[in-house]
Amino acid sequence: MKWEHRENVVKYIPFYMRPHIIRWIEEGGYLGDFLTHLLSNDLFLAFHHADVANTDAMKCWVEYLYNFTPGGCWGSPEKVKAWRESGGLIGQGRMKKEEKS
């Protein structure tokens, strides 16, 4: 699946969180505690670190991750670590270009 940022896809995720998740997907950028635990599939600690808006949006977060993001960017601590190390979609794209050269 090719990931594309679309405003209507993330409309139920708190507005102030959108740049963070987009940066994560595209660049493997820094995550705070909430997103780290959410993306690692540790919902207990995700809820623990969530503010009120993210707690209220938890179902939307899960649906968004499952339906609209690359599977490699979330699902376990190992996947989160690998995504970060790969540099997200941008880093993976660079690696593919280098392999072709």
N, C-alpha and C. Protein backbone atom coordinates (compact mmCIF):
# COMPACT_ATOMS: atom_id res chain seq x y z
N MET A 1 0.84 -1.18 0.00
CA MET A 1 0.00 0.00 0.00
C MET A 1 0.88 1.24 0.00
N LYS A 2 0.60 2.17 -0.86
CA LYS A 2 1.31 3.44 -0.88
C LYS A 2 0.61 4.38 0.09
N TRP A 3 1.37 4.95 1.00
CA TRP A 3 0.80 5.85 1.99
C TRP A 3 0.79 7.26 1.46
N GLU A 4 -0.33 7.92 1.60
CA GLU A 4 -0.45 9.32 1.25
C GLU A 4 -1.17 10.02 2.39
N HIS A 5 -0.64 11.18 2.77
CA HIS A 5 -1.31 11.96 3.81
C HIS A 5 -2.56 12.58 3.21
N ARG A 6 -3.66 12.34 3.84
CA ARG A 6 -4.92 12.95 3.42
C ARG A 6 -5.61 13.45 4.68
N GLU A 7 -6.02 14.71 4.63
CA GLU A 7 -6.63 15.34 5.80
C GLU A 7 -7.85 14.57 6.28
N ASN A 8 -8.67 14.06 5.36
CA ASN A 8 -9.87 13.35 5.79
C ASN A 8 -9.56 12.03 6.50
N VAL A 9 -8.40 11.46 6.25
CA VAL A 9 -8.03 10.21 6.91
C VAL A 9 -7.72 10.45 8.38
N VAL A 10 -7.07 11.55 8.67
CA VAL A 10 -6.65 11.81 10.05
C VAL A 10 -7.59 12.75 10.79
N LYS A 11 -8.77 13.00 10.26
CA LYS A 11 -9.65 14.02 10.84
C LYS A 11 -10.08 13.74 12.27
N TYR A 12 -10.06 12.51 12.70
CA TYR A 12 -10.49 12.21 14.06
C TYR A 12 -9.33 12.11 15.05
N ILE A 13 -8.13 12.21 14.55
CA ILE A 13 -6.95 12.22 15.41
C ILE A 13 -6.75 13.66 15.87
N PRO A 14 -6.44 13.88 17.15
CA PRO A 14 -6.27 15.26 17.60
C PRO A 14 -5.33 16.05 16.69
N PHE A 15 -5.75 17.26 16.37
CA PHE A 15 -5.05 18.11 15.40
C PHE A 15 -3.56 18.24 15.71
N TYR A 16 -3.23 18.46 16.97
CA TYR A 16 -1.83 18.68 17.36
C TYR A 16 -0.97 17.43 17.26
N MET A 17 -1.60 16.27 17.07
CA MET A 17 -0.84 15.02 16.93
C MET A 17 -0.53 14.69 15.47
N ARG A 18 -1.23 15.30 14.55
CA ARG A 18 -1.07 14.97 13.13
C ARG A 18 0.35 15.16 12.62
N PRO A 19 1.02 16.28 12.92
CA PRO A 19 2.40 16.42 12.42
C PRO A 19 3.33 15.32 12.95
N HIS A 20 3.08 14.86 14.17
CA HIS A 20 3.95 13.85 14.78
C HIS A 20 3.81 12.50 14.07
N ILE A 21 2.57 12.09 13.80
CA ILE A 21 2.37 10.80 13.15
C ILE A 21 2.82 10.85 11.69
N ILE A 22 2.61 12.00 11.04
CA ILE A 22 3.06 12.14 9.66
C ILE A 22 4.59 12.09 9.59
N ARG A 23 5.24 12.81 10.49
CA ARG A 23 6.71 12.78 10.53
C ARG A 23 7.21 11.36 10.82
N TRP A 24 6.51 10.66 11.71
CA TRP A 24 6.91 9.29 12.01
C TRP A 24 6.86 8.42 10.76
N ILE A 25 5.75 8.48 10.05
CA ILE A 25 5.58 7.65 8.87
C ILE A 25 6.60 8.02 7.79
N GLU A 26 6.76 9.30 7.57
CA GLU A 26 7.63 9.73 6.49
C GLU A 26 9.11 9.63 6.82
N GLU A 27 9.49 9.95 8.07
CA GLU A 27 10.91 10.07 8.41
C GLU A 27 11.37 9.16 9.55
N GLY A 28 10.44 8.48 10.22
CA GLY A 28 10.83 7.73 11.41
C GLY A 28 11.25 8.65 12.54
N GLY A 29 10.61 9.82 12.59
CA GLY A 29 10.98 10.87 13.53
C GLY A 29 10.69 10.52 14.98
N TYR A 30 11.14 11.39 15.86
CA TYR A 30 11.01 11.19 17.31
C TYR A 30 9.56 10.98 17.72
N LEU A 31 9.36 10.08 18.65
CA LEU A 31 8.06 9.82 19.24
C LEU A 31 8.11 10.07 20.73
N GLY A 32 7.04 10.60 21.27
CA GLY A 32 6.92 10.70 22.72
C GLY A 32 6.43 9.38 23.28
N ASP A 33 6.22 9.35 24.58
CA ASP A 33 5.81 8.11 25.24
C ASP A 33 4.49 7.56 24.71
N PHE A 34 3.49 8.44 24.54
CA PHE A 34 2.19 7.96 24.08
C PHE A 34 2.30 7.26 22.73
N LEU A 35 2.87 7.93 21.74
CA LEU A 35 2.96 7.33 20.41
C LEU A 35 3.87 6.11 20.39
N THR A 36 4.94 6.14 21.15
CA THR A 36 5.83 4.98 21.20
C THR A 36 5.06 3.75 21.66
N HIS A 37 4.28 3.88 22.72
CA HIS A 37 3.53 2.73 23.24
C HIS A 37 2.37 2.36 22.31
N LEU A 38 1.71 3.35 21.74
CA LEU A 38 0.63 3.06 20.80
C LEU A 38 1.15 2.29 19.60
N LEU A 39 2.22 2.78 18.99
CA LEU A 39 2.78 2.14 17.80
C LEU A 39 3.40 0.79 18.11
N SER A 40 3.85 0.61 19.34
CA SER A 40 4.42 -0.67 19.77
C SER A 40 3.35 -1.69 20.14
N ASN A 41 2.09 -1.29 20.03
CA ASN A 41 0.95 -2.15 20.33
C ASN A 41 0.84 -2.46 21.82
N ASP A 42 1.26 -1.51 22.64
CA ASP A 42 1.13 -1.64 24.09
C ASP A 42 0.05 -0.65 24.53
N LEU A 43 -1.20 -1.07 24.36
CA LEU A 43 -2.31 -0.15 24.61
C LEU A 43 -2.45 0.22 26.08
N PHE A 44 -2.05 -0.66 26.98
CA PHE A 44 -2.12 -0.32 28.40
C PHE A 44 -1.27 0.92 28.68
N LEU A 45 0.00 0.90 28.25
CA LEU A 45 0.86 2.06 28.49
C LEU A 45 0.50 3.23 27.60
N ALA A 46 -0.06 2.98 26.42
CA ALA A 46 -0.53 4.08 25.58
C ALA A 46 -1.63 4.86 26.31
N PHE A 47 -2.59 4.15 26.87
CA PHE A 47 -3.64 4.82 27.65
C PHE A 47 -3.05 5.55 28.85
N HIS A 48 -2.08 4.93 29.49
CA HIS A 48 -1.45 5.55 30.66
C HIS A 48 -0.81 6.89 30.31
N HIS A 49 -0.20 7.00 29.13
CA HIS A 49 0.51 8.22 28.73
C HIS A 49 -0.35 9.17 27.90
N ALA A 50 -1.56 8.78 27.56
CA ALA A 50 -2.43 9.61 26.71
C ALA A 50 -3.04 10.76 27.50
N ASP A 51 -3.17 11.89 26.84
CA ASP A 51 -3.95 12.97 27.42
C ASP A 51 -5.42 12.69 27.13
N VAL A 52 -6.30 13.58 27.56
CA VAL A 52 -7.74 13.35 27.42
C VAL A 52 -8.14 13.22 25.95
N ALA A 53 -7.63 14.08 25.09
CA ALA A 53 -8.01 14.04 23.67
C ALA A 53 -7.57 12.73 23.02
N ASN A 54 -6.38 12.26 23.34
CA ASN A 54 -5.91 11.00 22.75
C ASN A 54 -6.61 9.80 23.36
N THR A 55 -6.97 9.88 24.63
CA THR A 55 -7.76 8.81 25.23
C THR A 55 -9.10 8.71 24.52
N ASP A 56 -9.75 9.84 24.30
CA ASP A 56 -11.04 9.85 23.61
C ASP A 56 -10.93 9.36 22.17
N ALA A 57 -9.77 9.58 21.56
CA ALA A 57 -9.57 9.22 20.15
C ALA A 57 -8.91 7.85 19.95
N MET A 58 -8.79 7.06 21.01
CA MET A 58 -8.02 5.81 20.90
C MET A 58 -8.57 4.87 19.83
N LYS A 59 -9.87 4.72 19.74
CA LYS A 59 -10.44 3.86 18.70
C LYS A 59 -10.07 4.39 17.32
N CYS A 60 -10.13 5.69 17.15
CA CYS A 60 -9.75 6.31 15.87
C CYS A 60 -8.27 6.07 15.56
N TRP A 61 -7.42 6.18 16.58
CA TRP A 61 -6.00 5.90 16.39
C TRP A 61 -5.79 4.49 15.86
N VAL A 62 -6.44 3.53 16.50
CA VAL A 62 -6.26 2.13 16.10
C VAL A 62 -6.78 1.91 14.68
N GLU A 63 -7.94 2.45 14.37
CA GLU A 63 -8.48 2.32 13.01
C GLU A 63 -7.57 2.99 11.98
N TYR A 64 -7.05 4.16 12.33
CA TYR A 64 -6.15 4.87 11.42
C TYR A 64 -4.88 4.05 11.16
N LEU A 65 -4.26 3.56 12.22
CA LEU A 65 -3.05 2.77 12.04
C LEU A 65 -3.32 1.53 11.21
N TYR A 66 -4.37 0.83 11.51
CA TYR A 66 -4.68 -0.43 10.84
C TYR A 66 -5.03 -0.22 9.37
N ASN A 67 -5.80 0.80 9.07
CA ASN A 67 -6.34 0.97 7.72
C ASN A 67 -5.54 1.89 6.80
N PHE A 68 -4.75 2.81 7.36
CA PHE A 68 -4.19 3.85 6.51
C PHE A 68 -2.69 4.06 6.64
N THR A 69 -1.99 3.25 7.38
CA THR A 69 -0.55 3.44 7.51
C THR A 69 0.20 2.19 7.08
N PRO A 70 1.46 2.34 6.70
CA PRO A 70 2.25 1.15 6.35
C PRO A 70 2.38 0.22 7.56
N GLY A 71 2.14 -1.06 7.34
CA GLY A 71 2.20 -2.02 8.44
C GLY A 71 3.54 -2.10 9.12
N GLY A 72 4.59 -1.77 8.42
CA GLY A 72 5.93 -1.84 9.00
C GLY A 72 6.23 -0.76 10.01
N CYS A 73 5.38 0.28 10.10
CA CYS A 73 5.68 1.39 11.01
C CYS A 73 5.08 1.22 12.40
N TRP A 74 4.35 0.14 12.62
CA TRP A 74 3.73 -0.06 13.92
C TRP A 74 3.46 -1.56 14.13
N GLY A 75 3.15 -1.94 15.36
CA GLY A 75 2.73 -3.31 15.64
C GLY A 75 3.50 -4.01 16.72
N SER A 76 4.75 -3.60 16.96
CA SER A 76 5.57 -4.21 18.00
C SER A 76 6.75 -3.29 18.29
N PRO A 77 7.40 -3.44 19.44
CA PRO A 77 8.59 -2.63 19.70
C PRO A 77 9.68 -2.85 18.64
N GLU A 78 9.79 -4.06 18.15
CA GLU A 78 10.80 -4.37 17.13
C GLU A 78 10.51 -3.63 15.83
N LYS A 79 9.24 -3.59 15.43
CA LYS A 79 8.86 -2.86 14.21
C LYS A 79 9.12 -1.36 14.37
N VAL A 80 8.80 -0.82 15.53
CA VAL A 80 9.02 0.60 15.79
C VAL A 80 10.51 0.91 15.70
N LYS A 81 11.33 0.09 16.30
CA LYS A 81 12.79 0.28 16.26
C LYS A 81 13.30 0.20 14.82
N ALA A 82 12.86 -0.79 14.07
CA ALA A 82 13.30 -0.96 12.69
C ALA A 82 12.85 0.21 11.83
N TRP A 83 11.63 0.71 12.04
CA TRP A 83 11.13 1.84 11.27
C TRP A 83 11.99 3.08 11.53
N ARG A 84 12.28 3.30 12.81
CA ARG A 84 13.11 4.45 13.19
C ARG A 84 14.48 4.35 12.51
N GLU A 85 15.08 3.17 12.59
CA GLU A 85 16.42 2.97 12.03
C GLU A 85 16.42 3.09 10.50
N SER A 86 15.31 2.75 9.86
CA SER A 86 15.25 2.83 8.40
C SER A 86 15.03 4.25 7.90
N GLY A 87 14.60 5.15 8.78
CA GLY A 87 14.32 6.52 8.36
C GLY A 87 12.95 6.71 7.76
N GLY A 88 12.02 5.80 8.06
CA GLY A 88 10.66 5.91 7.55
C GLY A 88 10.60 5.71 6.05
N LEU A 89 9.52 6.18 5.44
CA LEU A 89 9.34 6.00 4.01
C LEU A 89 10.42 6.72 3.20
N ILE A 90 10.84 7.88 3.67
CA ILE A 90 11.87 8.63 2.95
C ILE A 90 13.19 7.87 2.98
N GLY A 91 13.58 7.40 4.15
CA GLY A 91 14.82 6.65 4.27
C GLY A 91 14.78 5.35 3.48
N GLN A 92 13.65 4.68 3.49
CA GLN A 92 13.52 3.44 2.72
C GLN A 92 13.59 3.72 1.23
N GLY A 93 13.02 4.86 0.80
CA GLY A 93 13.09 5.24 -0.61
C GLY A 93 14.52 5.50 -1.04
N ARG A 94 15.29 6.15 -0.17
CA ARG A 94 16.71 6.41 -0.47
C ARG A 94 17.47 5.09 -0.58
N MET A 95 17.19 4.17 0.33
CA MET A 95 17.88 2.88 0.30
C MET A 95 17.59 2.14 -0.99
N LYS A 96 16.35 2.17 -1.45
CA LYS A 96 15.99 1.49 -2.70
C LYS A 96 16.69 2.12 -3.89
N LYS A 97 16.80 3.46 -3.90
CA LYS A 97 17.49 4.14 -5.00
C LYS A 97 18.96 3.76 -5.02
N GLU A 98 19.57 3.68 -3.82
CA GLU A 98 20.98 3.31 -3.73
C GLU A 98 21.21 1.89 -4.19
N GLU A 99 20.27 0.99 -3.88
CA GLU A 99 20.40 -0.41 -4.30
C GLU A 99 20.32 -0.54 -5.82
N LYS A 100 19.51 0.30 -6.46
CA LYS A 100 19.36 0.25 -7.90
C LYS A 100 20.58 0.82 -8.62
N SER A 101 21.29 1.74 -7.96
CA SER A 101 22.45 2.36 -8.59
C SER A 101 23.63 1.45 -8.71
